[in-house]
mmCIF file of all heavy atoms, coordinates in Angstrom:
data_MODEL
# 
_entry.id   MODEL 
# 
loop_
_atom_site.group_PDB 
_atom_site.id 
_atom_site.type_symbol 
_atom_site.label_atom_id 
_atom_site.label_alt_id 
_atom_site.label_comp_id 
_atom_site.label_asym_id 
_atom_site.label_entity_id 
_atom_site.label_seq_id 
_atom_site.pdbx_PDB_ins_code 
_atom_site.Cartn_x 
_atom_site.Cartn_y 
_atom_site.Cartn_z 
_atom_site.occupancy 
_atom_site.B_iso_or_equiv 
_atom_site.pdbx_formal_charge 
_atom_site.auth_seq_id 
_atom_site.auth_comp_id 
_atom_site.auth_asym_id 
_atom_site.auth_atom_id 
_atom_site.pdbx_PDB_model_num 
ATOM 1   N N   . VAL A 1 1  ? 7.030   15.974 71.690  1.00 0.00 ? 1  VAL A N   1 
ATOM 2   C CA  . VAL A 1 1  ? 7.418   17.393 71.752  1.00 0.00 ? 1  VAL A CA  1 
ATOM 3   C C   . VAL A 1 1  ? 6.354   18.149 72.551  1.00 0.00 ? 1  VAL A C   1 
ATOM 4   O O   . VAL A 1 1  ? 5.179   18.152 72.174  1.00 0.00 ? 1  VAL A O   1 
ATOM 5   C CB  . VAL A 1 1  ? 7.549   17.986 70.338  1.00 0.00 ? 1  VAL A CB  1 
ATOM 6   C CG1 . VAL A 1 1  ? 7.859   19.476 70.411  1.00 0.00 ? 1  VAL A CG1 1 
ATOM 7   C CG2 . VAL A 1 1  ? 8.629   17.256 69.557  1.00 0.00 ? 1  VAL A CG2 1 
ATOM 8   N N   . PRO A 1 2  ? 6.728   18.796 73.657  1.00 0.00 ? 2  PRO A N   1 
ATOM 9   C CA  . PRO A 1 2  ? 5.726   19.515 74.462  1.00 0.00 ? 2  PRO A CA  1 
ATOM 10  C C   . PRO A 1 2  ? 5.250   20.780 73.764  1.00 0.00 ? 2  PRO A C   1 
ATOM 11  O O   . PRO A 1 2  ? 5.885   21.263 72.809  1.00 0.00 ? 2  PRO A O   1 
ATOM 12  C CB  . PRO A 1 2  ? 6.491   19.855 75.752  1.00 0.00 ? 2  PRO A CB  1 
ATOM 13  C CG  . PRO A 1 2  ? 7.925   19.926 75.317  1.00 0.00 ? 2  PRO A CG  1 
ATOM 14  C CD  . PRO A 1 2  ? 8.084   18.901 74.223  1.00 0.00 ? 2  PRO A CD  1 
ATOM 15  N N   . ASP A 1 3  ? 4.137   21.292 74.219  1.00 0.00 ? 3  ASP A N   1 
ATOM 16  C CA  . ASP A 1 3  ? 3.629   22.553 73.688  1.00 0.00 ? 3  ASP A CA  1 
ATOM 17  C C   . ASP A 1 3  ? 4.659   23.663 73.931  1.00 0.00 ? 3  ASP A C   1 
ATOM 18  O O   . ASP A 1 3  ? 5.300   23.722 74.987  1.00 0.00 ? 3  ASP A O   1 
ATOM 19  C CB  . ASP A 1 3  ? 2.315   22.937 74.367  1.00 0.00 ? 3  ASP A CB  1 
ATOM 20  C CG  . ASP A 1 3  ? 1.192   21.978 74.013  1.00 0.00 ? 3  ASP A CG  1 
ATOM 21  O OD1 . ASP A 1 3  ? 1.330   21.262 73.007  1.00 0.00 ? 3  ASP A OD1 1 
ATOM 22  O OD2 . ASP A 1 3  ? 0.186   21.935 74.754  1.00 0.00 ? 3  ASP A OD2 1 
ATOM 23  N N   . ILE A 1 4  ? 4.815   24.523 72.945  1.00 0.00 ? 4  ILE A N   1 
ATOM 24  C CA  . ILE A 1 4  ? 5.764   25.632 73.039  1.00 0.00 ? 4  ILE A CA  1 
ATOM 25  C C   . ILE A 1 4  ? 4.995   26.914 73.338  1.00 0.00 ? 4  ILE A C   1 
ATOM 26  O O   . ILE A 1 4  ? 4.013   27.229 72.655  1.00 0.00 ? 4  ILE A O   1 
ATOM 27  C CB  . ILE A 1 4  ? 6.579   25.763 71.744  1.00 0.00 ? 4  ILE A CB  1 
ATOM 28  C CG1 . ILE A 1 4  ? 7.414   24.503 71.525  1.00 0.00 ? 4  ILE A CG1 1 
ATOM 29  C CG2 . ILE A 1 4  ? 7.474   27.005 71.789  1.00 0.00 ? 4  ILE A CG2 1 
ATOM 30  C CD1 . ILE A 1 4  ? 8.211   24.520 70.238  1.00 0.00 ? 4  ILE A CD1 1 
ATOM 31  N N   . TYR A 1 5  ? 5.446   27.625 74.348  1.00 0.00 ? 5  TYR A N   1 
ATOM 32  C CA  . TYR A 1 5  ? 4.827   28.887 74.751  1.00 0.00 ? 5  TYR A CA  1 
ATOM 33  C C   . TYR A 1 5  ? 5.818   30.026 74.554  1.00 0.00 ? 5  TYR A C   1 
ATOM 34  O O   . TYR A 1 5  ? 7.038   29.838 74.653  1.00 0.00 ? 5  TYR A O   1 
ATOM 35  C CB  . TYR A 1 5  ? 4.383   28.834 76.215  1.00 0.00 ? 5  TYR A CB  1 
ATOM 36  C CG  . TYR A 1 5  ? 3.168   27.970 76.454  1.00 0.00 ? 5  TYR A CG  1 
ATOM 37  C CD1 . TYR A 1 5  ? 3.285   26.586 76.528  1.00 0.00 ? 5  TYR A CD1 1 
ATOM 38  C CD2 . TYR A 1 5  ? 1.902   28.537 76.590  1.00 0.00 ? 5  TYR A CD2 1 
ATOM 39  C CE1 . TYR A 1 5  ? 2.170   25.785 76.730  1.00 0.00 ? 5  TYR A CE1 1 
ATOM 40  C CE2 . TYR A 1 5  ? 0.789   27.747 76.797  1.00 0.00 ? 5  TYR A CE2 1 
ATOM 41  C CZ  . TYR A 1 5  ? 0.929   26.371 76.865  1.00 0.00 ? 5  TYR A CZ  1 
ATOM 42  O OH  . TYR A 1 5  ? -0.174  25.581 77.060  1.00 0.00 ? 5  TYR A OH  1 
ATOM 43  N N   . ASP A 1 6  ? 5.284   31.190 74.266  1.00 0.00 ? 6  ASP A N   1 
ATOM 44  C CA  . ASP A 1 6  ? 6.130   32.378 74.122  1.00 0.00 ? 6  ASP A CA  1 
ATOM 45  C C   . ASP A 1 6  ? 6.740   32.770 75.467  1.00 0.00 ? 6  ASP A C   1 
ATOM 46  O O   . ASP A 1 6  ? 6.178   32.458 76.527  1.00 0.00 ? 6  ASP A O   1 
ATOM 47  C CB  . ASP A 1 6  ? 5.305   33.549 73.585  1.00 0.00 ? 6  ASP A CB  1 
ATOM 48  C CG  . ASP A 1 6  ? 4.835   33.305 72.157  1.00 0.00 ? 6  ASP A CG  1 
ATOM 49  O OD1 . ASP A 1 6  ? 5.589   32.669 71.394  1.00 0.00 ? 6  ASP A OD1 1 
ATOM 50  O OD2 . ASP A 1 6  ? 3.724   33.753 71.818  1.00 0.00 ? 6  ASP A OD2 1 
ATOM 51  N N   . PRO A 1 7  ? 7.877   33.468 75.452  1.00 0.00 ? 7  PRO A N   1 
ATOM 52  C CA  . PRO A 1 7  ? 8.472   33.948 76.712  1.00 0.00 ? 7  PRO A CA  1 
ATOM 53  C C   . PRO A 1 7  ? 7.521   34.909 77.417  1.00 0.00 ? 7  PRO A C   1 
ATOM 54  O O   . PRO A 1 7  ? 6.607   35.468 76.799  1.00 0.00 ? 7  PRO A O   1 
ATOM 55  C CB  . PRO A 1 7  ? 9.754   34.655 76.254  1.00 0.00 ? 7  PRO A CB  1 
ATOM 56  C CG  . PRO A 1 7  ? 10.039  34.103 74.890  1.00 0.00 ? 7  PRO A CG  1 
ATOM 57  C CD  . PRO A 1 7  ? 8.703   33.790 74.284  1.00 0.00 ? 7  PRO A CD  1 
ATOM 58  N N   . PRO A 1 8  ? 7.725   35.110 78.721  1.00 0.00 ? 8  PRO A N   1 
ATOM 59  C CA  . PRO A 1 8  ? 6.849   36.044 79.463  1.00 0.00 ? 8  PRO A CA  1 
ATOM 60  C C   . PRO A 1 8  ? 6.848   37.434 78.827  1.00 0.00 ? 8  PRO A C   1 
ATOM 61  O O   . PRO A 1 8  ? 7.891   37.939 78.423  1.00 0.00 ? 8  PRO A O   1 
ATOM 62  C CB  . PRO A 1 8  ? 7.468   36.057 80.865  1.00 0.00 ? 8  PRO A CB  1 
ATOM 63  C CG  . PRO A 1 8  ? 8.211   34.779 80.966  1.00 0.00 ? 8  PRO A CG  1 
ATOM 64  C CD  . PRO A 1 8  ? 8.715   34.469 79.597  1.00 0.00 ? 8  PRO A CD  1 
ATOM 65  N N   . ASP A 1 9  ? 5.675   38.002 78.750  1.00 0.00 ? 9  ASP A N   1 
ATOM 66  C CA  . ASP A 1 9  ? 5.502   39.343 78.187  1.00 0.00 ? 9  ASP A CA  1 
ATOM 67  C C   . ASP A 1 9  ? 5.846   40.383 79.247  1.00 0.00 ? 9  ASP A C   1 
ATOM 68  O O   . ASP A 1 9  ? 5.137   40.520 80.256  1.00 0.00 ? 9  ASP A O   1 
ATOM 69  C CB  . ASP A 1 9  ? 4.064   39.511 77.707  1.00 0.00 ? 9  ASP A CB  1 
ATOM 70  C CG  . ASP A 1 9  ? 3.844   40.841 76.997  1.00 0.00 ? 9  ASP A CG  1 
ATOM 71  O OD1 . ASP A 1 9  ? 4.819   41.605 76.848  1.00 0.00 ? 9  ASP A OD1 1 
ATOM 72  O OD2 . ASP A 1 9  ? 2.701   41.111 76.597  1.00 0.00 ? 9  ASP A OD2 1 
ATOM 73  N N   . GLY A 1 10 ? 6.945   41.103 79.040  1.00 0.00 ? 10 GLY A N   1 
ATOM 74  C CA  . GLY A 1 10 ? 7.360   42.110 80.006  1.00 0.00 ? 10 GLY A CA  1 
ATOM 75  C C   . GLY A 1 10 ? 6.345   43.232 80.155  1.00 0.00 ? 10 GLY A C   1 
ATOM 76  O O   . GLY A 1 10 ? 6.194   43.800 81.248  1.00 0.00 ? 10 GLY A O   1 
ATOM 77  N N   . ASN A 1 11 ? 5.645   43.570 79.098  1.00 0.00 ? 11 ASN A N   1 
ATOM 78  C CA  . ASN A 1 11 ? 4.638   44.636 79.182  1.00 0.00 ? 11 ASN A CA  1 
ATOM 79  C C   . ASN A 1 11 ? 3.512   44.259 80.134  1.00 0.00 ? 11 ASN A C   1 
ATOM 80  O O   . ASN A 1 11 ? 2.975   45.112 80.846  1.00 0.00 ? 11 ASN A O   1 
ATOM 81  C CB  . ASN A 1 11 ? 4.066   44.928 77.793  1.00 0.00 ? 11 ASN A CB  1 
ATOM 82  C CG  . ASN A 1 11 ? 5.092   45.566 76.877  1.00 0.00 ? 11 ASN A CG  1 
ATOM 83  O OD1 . ASN A 1 11 ? 5.971   46.300 77.337  1.00 0.00 ? 11 ASN A OD1 1 
ATOM 84  N ND2 . ASN A 1 11 ? 5.001   45.284 75.588  1.00 0.00 ? 11 ASN A ND2 1 
ATOM 85  N N   . ALA A 1 12 ? 3.145   42.954 80.134  1.00 0.00 ? 12 ALA A N   1 
ATOM 86  C CA  . ALA A 1 12 ? 2.089   42.510 81.050  1.00 0.00 ? 12 ALA A CA  1 
ATOM 87  C C   . ALA A 1 12 ? 2.530   42.676 82.495  1.00 0.00 ? 12 ALA A C   1 
ATOM 88  O O   . ALA A 1 12 ? 1.735   43.107 83.350  1.00 0.00 ? 12 ALA A O   1 
ATOM 89  C CB  . ALA A 1 12 ? 1.742   41.047 80.763  1.00 0.00 ? 12 ALA A CB  1 
ATOM 90  N N   . ALA A 1 13 ? 3.786   42.387 82.797  1.00 0.00 ? 13 ALA A N   1 
ATOM 91  C CA  . ALA A 1 13 ? 4.290   42.536 84.167  1.00 0.00 ? 13 ALA A CA  1 
ATOM 92  C C   . ALA A 1 13 ? 4.259   44.004 84.589  1.00 0.00 ? 13 ALA A C   1 
ATOM 93  O O   . ALA A 1 13 ? 3.798   44.346 85.692  1.00 0.00 ? 13 ALA A O   1 
ATOM 94  C CB  . ALA A 1 13 ? 5.705   41.977 84.268  1.00 0.00 ? 13 ALA A CB  1 
ATOM 95  N N   . ARG A 1 14 ? 4.750   44.879 83.720  1.00 0.00 ? 14 ARG A N   1 
ATOM 96  C CA  . ARG A 1 14 ? 4.763   46.307 84.069  1.00 0.00 ? 14 ARG A CA  1 
ATOM 97  C C   . ARG A 1 14 ? 3.344   46.841 84.235  1.00 0.00 ? 14 ARG A C   1 
ATOM 98  O O   . ARG A 1 14 ? 3.066   47.653 85.131  1.00 0.00 ? 14 ARG A O   1 
ATOM 99  C CB  . ARG A 1 14 ? 5.502   47.094 82.984  1.00 0.00 ? 14 ARG A CB  1 
ATOM 100 C CG  . ARG A 1 14 ? 7.013   46.897 83.019  1.00 0.00 ? 14 ARG A CG  1 
ATOM 101 C CD  . ARG A 1 14 ? 7.713   47.829 82.059  1.00 0.00 ? 14 ARG A CD  1 
ATOM 102 N NE  . ARG A 1 14 ? 7.493   47.413 80.678  1.00 0.00 ? 14 ARG A NE  1 
ATOM 103 C CZ  . ARG A 1 14 ? 8.267   46.546 80.031  1.00 0.00 ? 14 ARG A CZ  1 
ATOM 104 N NH1 . ARG A 1 14 ? 9.308   46.002 80.650  1.00 0.00 ? 14 ARG A NH1 1 
ATOM 105 N NH2 . ARG A 1 14 ? 8.021   46.234 78.780  1.00 0.00 ? 14 ARG A NH2 1 
ATOM 106 N N   . GLN A 1 15 ? 2.435   46.379 83.371  1.00 0.00 ? 15 GLN A N   1 
ATOM 107 C CA  . GLN A 1 15 ? 1.053   46.853 83.460  1.00 0.00 ? 15 GLN A CA  1 
ATOM 108 C C   . GLN A 1 15 ? 0.403   46.444 84.783  1.00 0.00 ? 15 GLN A C   1 
ATOM 109 O O   . GLN A 1 15 ? -0.248  47.255 85.442  1.00 0.00 ? 15 GLN A O   1 
ATOM 110 C CB  . GLN A 1 15 ? 0.256   46.312 82.279  1.00 0.00 ? 15 GLN A CB  1 
ATOM 111 C CG  . GLN A 1 15 ? -1.207  46.709 82.284  1.00 0.00 ? 15 GLN A CG  1 
ATOM 112 C CD  . GLN A 1 15 ? -1.966  46.115 81.106  1.00 0.00 ? 15 GLN A CD  1 
ATOM 113 O OE1 . GLN A 1 15 ? -1.367  45.551 80.196  1.00 0.00 ? 15 GLN A OE1 1 
ATOM 114 N NE2 . GLN A 1 15 ? -3.271  46.233 81.133  1.00 0.00 ? 15 GLN A NE2 1 
ATOM 115 N N   . GLN A 1 16 ? 0.594   45.177 85.175  1.00 0.00 ? 16 GLN A N   1 
ATOM 116 C CA  . GLN A 1 16 ? -0.040  44.710 86.401  1.00 0.00 ? 16 GLN A CA  1 
ATOM 117 C C   . GLN A 1 16 ? 0.590   45.353 87.640  1.00 0.00 ? 16 GLN A C   1 
ATOM 118 O O   . GLN A 1 16 ? -0.117  45.661 88.615  1.00 0.00 ? 16 GLN A O   1 
ATOM 119 C CB  . GLN A 1 16 ? 0.073   43.187 86.483  1.00 0.00 ? 16 GLN A CB  1 
ATOM 120 C CG  . GLN A 1 16 ? -0.672  42.435 85.381  1.00 0.00 ? 16 GLN A CG  1 
ATOM 121 C CD  . GLN A 1 16 ? -2.115  42.856 85.256  1.00 0.00 ? 16 GLN A CD  1 
ATOM 122 O OE1 . GLN A 1 16 ? -2.493  43.566 84.319  1.00 0.00 ? 16 GLN A OE1 1 
ATOM 123 N NE2 . GLN A 1 16 ? -2.935  42.435 86.214  1.00 0.00 ? 16 GLN A NE2 1 
ATOM 124 N N   . VAL A 1 17 ? 1.890   45.558 87.618  1.00 0.00 ? 17 VAL A N   1 
ATOM 125 C CA  . VAL A 1 17 ? 2.542   46.239 88.753  1.00 0.00 ? 17 VAL A CA  1 
ATOM 126 C C   . VAL A 1 17 ? 2.038   47.665 88.863  1.00 0.00 ? 17 VAL A C   1 
ATOM 127 O O   . VAL A 1 17 ? 1.812   48.177 89.984  1.00 0.00 ? 17 VAL A O   1 
ATOM 128 C CB  . VAL A 1 17 ? 4.070   46.194 88.584  1.00 0.00 ? 17 VAL A CB  1 
ATOM 129 C CG1 . VAL A 1 17 ? 4.750   47.115 89.601  1.00 0.00 ? 17 VAL A CG1 1 
ATOM 130 C CG2 . VAL A 1 17 ? 4.582   44.771 88.754  1.00 0.00 ? 17 VAL A CG2 1 
ATOM 131 N N   . GLN A 1 18 ? 1.834   48.336 87.754  1.00 0.00 ? 18 GLN A N   1 
ATOM 132 C CA  . GLN A 1 18 ? 1.317   49.707 87.802  1.00 0.00 ? 18 GLN A CA  1 
ATOM 133 C C   . GLN A 1 18 ? -0.116  49.733 88.346  1.00 0.00 ? 18 GLN A C   1 
ATOM 134 O O   . GLN A 1 18 ? -0.488  50.631 89.115  1.00 0.00 ? 18 GLN A O   1 
ATOM 135 C CB  . GLN A 1 18 ? 1.352   50.332 86.400  1.00 0.00 ? 18 GLN A CB  1 
ATOM 136 C CG  . GLN A 1 18 ? 0.933   51.793 86.358  1.00 0.00 ? 18 GLN A CG  1 
ATOM 137 C CD  . GLN A 1 18 ? 1.781   52.671 87.253  1.00 0.00 ? 18 GLN A CD  1 
ATOM 138 O OE1 . GLN A 1 18 ? 3.012   52.608 87.202  1.00 0.00 ? 18 GLN A OE1 1 
ATOM 139 N NE2 . GLN A 1 18 ? 1.147   53.494 88.082  1.00 0.00 ? 18 GLN A NE2 1 
ATOM 140 N N   . ILE A 1 19 ? -0.912  48.761 87.965  1.00 0.00 ? 19 ILE A N   1 
ATOM 141 C CA  . ILE A 1 19 ? -2.276  48.690 88.514  1.00 0.00 ? 19 ILE A CA  1 
ATOM 142 C C   . ILE A 1 19 ? -2.227  48.505 90.018  1.00 0.00 ? 19 ILE A C   1 
ATOM 143 O O   . ILE A 1 19 ? -3.006  49.123 90.763  1.00 0.00 ? 19 ILE A O   1 
ATOM 144 C CB  . ILE A 1 19 ? -3.044  47.530 87.841  1.00 0.00 ? 19 ILE A CB  1 
ATOM 145 C CG1 . ILE A 1 19 ? -3.302  47.846 86.368  1.00 0.00 ? 19 ILE A CG1 1 
ATOM 146 C CG2 . ILE A 1 19 ? -4.360  47.266 88.565  1.00 0.00 ? 19 ILE A CG2 1 
ATOM 147 C CD1 . ILE A 1 19 ? -3.935  46.706 85.601  1.00 0.00 ? 19 ILE A CD1 1 
ATOM 148 N N   . LEU A 1 20 ? -1.298  47.671 90.490  1.00 0.00 ? 20 LEU A N   1 
ATOM 149 C CA  . LEU A 1 20 ? -1.168  47.475 91.942  1.00 0.00 ? 20 LEU A CA  1 
ATOM 150 C C   . LEU A 1 20 ? -0.731  48.756 92.629  1.00 0.00 ? 20 LEU A C   1 
ATOM 151 O O   . LEU A 1 20 ? -1.225  49.084 93.716  1.00 0.00 ? 20 LEU A O   1 
ATOM 152 C CB  . LEU A 1 20 ? -0.179  46.338 92.222  1.00 0.00 ? 20 LEU A CB  1 
ATOM 153 C CG  . LEU A 1 20 ? 0.074   46.045 93.698  1.00 0.00 ? 20 LEU A CG  1 
ATOM 154 C CD1 . LEU A 1 20 ? -1.214  45.676 94.426  1.00 0.00 ? 20 LEU A CD1 1 
ATOM 155 C CD2 . LEU A 1 20 ? 1.111   44.931 93.855  1.00 0.00 ? 20 LEU A CD2 1 
ATOM 156 N N   . ARG A 1 21 ? 0.205   49.479 92.021  1.00 0.00 ? 21 ARG A N   1 
ATOM 157 C CA  . ARG A 1 21 ? 0.637   50.752 92.614  1.00 0.00 ? 21 ARG A CA  1 
ATOM 158 C C   . ARG A 1 21 ? -0.545  51.710 92.752  1.00 0.00 ? 21 ARG A C   1 
ATOM 159 O O   . ARG A 1 21 ? -0.699  52.387 93.772  1.00 0.00 ? 21 ARG A O   1 
ATOM 160 C CB  . ARG A 1 21 ? 1.735   51.390 91.760  1.00 0.00 ? 21 ARG A CB  1 
ATOM 161 C CG  . ARG A 1 21 ? 3.104   50.732 91.890  1.00 0.00 ? 21 ARG A CG  1 
ATOM 162 C CD  . ARG A 1 21 ? 4.189   51.651 91.373  1.00 0.00 ? 21 ARG A CD  1 
ATOM 163 N NE  . ARG A 1 21 ? 5.505   51.050 91.518  1.00 0.00 ? 21 ARG A NE  1 
ATOM 164 C CZ  . ARG A 1 21 ? 6.163   50.434 90.550  1.00 0.00 ? 21 ARG A CZ  1 
ATOM 165 N NH1 . ARG A 1 21 ? 5.603   50.336 89.344  1.00 0.00 ? 21 ARG A NH1 1 
ATOM 166 N NH2 . ARG A 1 21 ? 7.365   49.920 90.762  1.00 0.00 ? 21 ARG A NH2 1 
ATOM 167 N N   . ASP A 1 22 ? -1.370  51.796 91.713  1.00 0.00 ? 22 ASP A N   1 
ATOM 168 C CA  . ASP A 1 22 ? -2.543  52.678 91.772  1.00 0.00 ? 22 ASP A CA  1 
ATOM 169 C C   . ASP A 1 22 ? -3.504  52.223 92.868  1.00 0.00 ? 22 ASP A C   1 
ATOM 170 O O   . ASP A 1 22 ? -4.075  53.051 93.599  1.00 0.00 ? 22 ASP A O   1 
ATOM 171 C CB  . ASP A 1 22 ? -3.252  52.690 90.420  1.00 0.00 ? 22 ASP A CB  1 
ATOM 172 C CG  . ASP A 1 22 ? -2.396  53.304 89.322  1.00 0.00 ? 22 ASP A CG  1 
ATOM 173 O OD1 . ASP A 1 22 ? -1.443  54.043 89.653  1.00 0.00 ? 22 ASP A OD1 1 
ATOM 174 O OD2 . ASP A 1 22 ? -2.674  53.034 88.126  1.00 0.00 ? 22 ASP A OD2 1 
ATOM 175 N N   . ALA A 1 23 ? -3.691  50.895 92.993  1.00 0.00 ? 23 ALA A N   1 
ATOM 176 C CA  . ALA A 1 23 ? -4.589  50.387 94.031  1.00 0.00 ? 23 ALA A CA  1 
ATOM 177 C C   . ALA A 1 23 ? -4.029  50.672 95.417  1.00 0.00 ? 23 ALA A C   1 
ATOM 178 O O   . ALA A 1 23 ? -4.782  51.059 96.340  1.00 0.00 ? 23 ALA A O   1 
ATOM 179 C CB  . ALA A 1 23 ? -4.784  48.883 93.830  1.00 0.00 ? 23 ALA A CB  1 
ATOM 180 N N   . LEU A 1 24 ? -2.727  50.516 95.584  1.00 0.00 ? 24 LEU A N   1 
ATOM 181 C CA  . LEU A 1 24 ? -2.115  50.794 96.884  1.00 0.00 ? 24 LEU A CA  1 
ATOM 182 C C   . LEU A 1 24 ? -2.208  52.284 97.226  1.00 0.00 ? 24 LEU A C   1 
ATOM 183 O O   . LEU A 1 24 ? -2.427  52.651 98.397  1.00 0.00 ? 24 LEU A O   1 
ATOM 184 C CB  . LEU A 1 24 ? -0.650  50.346 96.869  1.00 0.00 ? 24 LEU A CB  1 
ATOM 185 C CG  . LEU A 1 24 ? -0.422  48.832 96.766  1.00 0.00 ? 24 LEU A CG  1 
ATOM 186 C CD1 . LEU A 1 24 ? 1.060   48.526 96.607  1.00 0.00 ? 24 LEU A CD1 1 
ATOM 187 C CD2 . LEU A 1 24 ? -0.972  48.122 98.004  1.00 0.00 ? 24 LEU A CD2 1 
ATOM 188 N N   . ALA A 1 25 ? -2.049  53.125 96.213  1.00 0.00 ? 25 ALA A N   1 
ATOM 189 C CA  . ALA A 1 25 ? -2.193  54.567 96.451  1.00 0.00 ? 25 ALA A CA  1 
ATOM 190 C C   . ALA A 1 25 ? -3.610  54.900 96.880  1.00 0.00 ? 25 ALA A C   1 
ATOM 191 O O   . ALA A 1 25 ? -3.836  55.743 97.765  1.00 0.00 ? 25 ALA A O   1 
ATOM 192 C CB  . ALA A 1 25 ? -1.808  55.330 95.187  1.00 0.00 ? 25 ALA A CB  1 
ATOM 193 N N   . TYR A 1 26 ? -4.573  54.217 96.281  1.00 0.00 ? 26 TYR A N   1 
ATOM 194 C CA  . TYR A 1 26 ? -5.973  54.437 96.674  1.00 0.00 ? 26 TYR A CA  1 
ATOM 195 C C   . TYR A 1 26 ? -6.203  53.989 98.112  1.00 0.00 ? 26 TYR A C   1 
ATOM 196 O O   . TYR A 1 26 ? -6.875  54.689 98.898  1.00 0.00 ? 26 TYR A O   1 
ATOM 197 C CB  . TYR A 1 26 ? -6.880  53.662 95.719  1.00 0.00 ? 26 TYR A CB  1 
ATOM 198 C CG  . TYR A 1 26 ? -8.347  53.747 96.065  1.00 0.00 ? 26 TYR A CG  1 
ATOM 199 C CD1 . TYR A 1 26 ? -9.104  54.848 95.717  1.00 0.00 ? 26 TYR A CD1 1 
ATOM 200 C CD2 . TYR A 1 26 ? -8.985  52.702 96.749  1.00 0.00 ? 26 TYR A CD2 1 
ATOM 201 C CE1 . TYR A 1 26 ? -10.462 54.921 96.035  1.00 0.00 ? 26 TYR A CE1 1 
ATOM 202 C CE2 . TYR A 1 26 ? -10.327 52.761 97.075  1.00 0.00 ? 26 TYR A CE2 1 
ATOM 203 C CZ  . TYR A 1 26 ? -11.059 53.873 96.711  1.00 0.00 ? 26 TYR A CZ  1 
ATOM 204 O OH  . TYR A 1 26 ? -12.385 53.948 97.035  1.00 0.00 ? 26 TYR A OH  1 
ATOM 205 N N   . VAL A 1 27 ? -5.641  52.819 98.469  1.00 0.00 ? 27 VAL A N   1 
ATOM 206 C CA  . VAL A 1 27 ? -5.782  52.335 99.840  1.00 0.00 ? 27 VAL A CA  1 
ATOM 207 C C   . VAL A 1 27 ? -5.124  53.314 100.811 1.00 0.00 ? 27 VAL A C   1 
ATOM 208 O O   . VAL A 1 27 ? -5.657  53.597 101.901 1.00 0.00 ? 27 VAL A O   1 
ATOM 209 C CB  . VAL A 1 27 ? -5.172  50.930 99.983  1.00 0.00 ? 27 VAL A CB  1 
ATOM 210 C CG1 . VAL A 1 27 ? -5.174  50.495 101.452 1.00 0.00 ? 27 VAL A CG1 1 
ATOM 211 C CG2 . VAL A 1 27 ? -5.946  49.933 99.132  1.00 0.00 ? 27 VAL A CG2 1 
ATOM 212 N N   . GLU A 1 28 ? -3.964  53.863 100.443 1.00 0.00 ? 28 GLU A N   1 
ATOM 213 C CA  . GLU A 1 28 ? -3.280  54.860 101.280 1.00 0.00 ? 28 GLU A CA  1 
ATOM 214 C C   . GLU A 1 28 ? -4.179  56.068 101.518 1.00 0.00 ? 28 GLU A C   1 
ATOM 215 O O   . GLU A 1 28 ? -4.284  56.593 102.637 1.00 0.00 ? 28 GLU A O   1 
ATOM 216 C CB  . GLU A 1 28 ? -1.984  55.301 100.595 1.00 0.00 ? 28 GLU A CB  1 
ATOM 217 C CG  . GLU A 1 28 ? -0.917  54.241 100.504 1.00 0.00 ? 28 GLU A CG  1 
ATOM 218 C CD  . GLU A 1 28 ? 0.008   54.266 101.696 1.00 0.00 ? 28 GLU A CD  1 
ATOM 219 O OE1 . GLU A 1 28 ? -0.235  55.051 102.626 1.00 0.00 ? 28 GLU A OE1 1 
ATOM 220 O OE2 . GLU A 1 28 ? 0.961   53.477 101.704 1.00 0.00 ? 28 GLU A OE2 1 
ATOM 221 N N   . THR A 1 29 ? -4.848  56.503 100.445 1.00 0.00 ? 29 THR A N   1 
ATOM 222 C CA  . THR A 1 29 ? -5.725  57.671 100.565 1.00 0.00 ? 29 THR A CA  1 
ATOM 223 C C   . THR A 1 29 ? -6.891  57.380 101.501 1.00 0.00 ? 29 THR A C   1 
ATOM 224 O O   . THR A 1 29 ? -7.270  58.213 102.341 1.00 0.00 ? 29 THR A O   1 
ATOM 225 C CB  . THR A 1 29 ? -6.251  58.063 99.177  1.00 0.00 ? 29 THR A CB  1 
ATOM 226 O OG1 . THR A 1 29 ? -5.147  58.353 98.312  1.00 0.00 ? 29 THR A OG1 1 
ATOM 227 C CG2 . THR A 1 29 ? -7.150  59.285 99.266  1.00 0.00 ? 29 THR A CG2 1 
ATOM 228 N N   . VAL A 1 30 ? -7.472  56.193 101.359 1.00 0.00 ? 30 VAL A N   1 
ATOM 229 C CA  . VAL A 1 30 ? -8.605  55.824 102.220 1.00 0.00 ? 30 VAL A CA  1 
ATOM 230 C C   . VAL A 1 30 ? -8.165  55.723 103.673 1.00 0.00 ? 30 VAL A C   1 
ATOM 231 O O   . VAL A 1 30 ? -8.850  56.211 104.595 1.00 0.00 ? 30 VAL A O   1 
ATOM 232 C CB  . VAL A 1 30 ? -9.217  54.500 101.736 1.00 0.00 ? 30 VAL A CB  1 
ATOM 233 C CG1 . VAL A 1 30 ? -10.275 54.004 102.724 1.00 0.00 ? 30 VAL A CG1 1 
ATOM 234 C CG2 . VAL A 1 30 ? -9.838  54.663 100.353 1.00 0.00 ? 30 VAL A CG2 1 
# 
């Protein structure tokens, strides 16, 4: 029986995408 992992955490995806948006906005400003 292989190791069982939880399904992907949707909150983690939204959090990382938001961090990227903030970084891209900063790059736009620069």
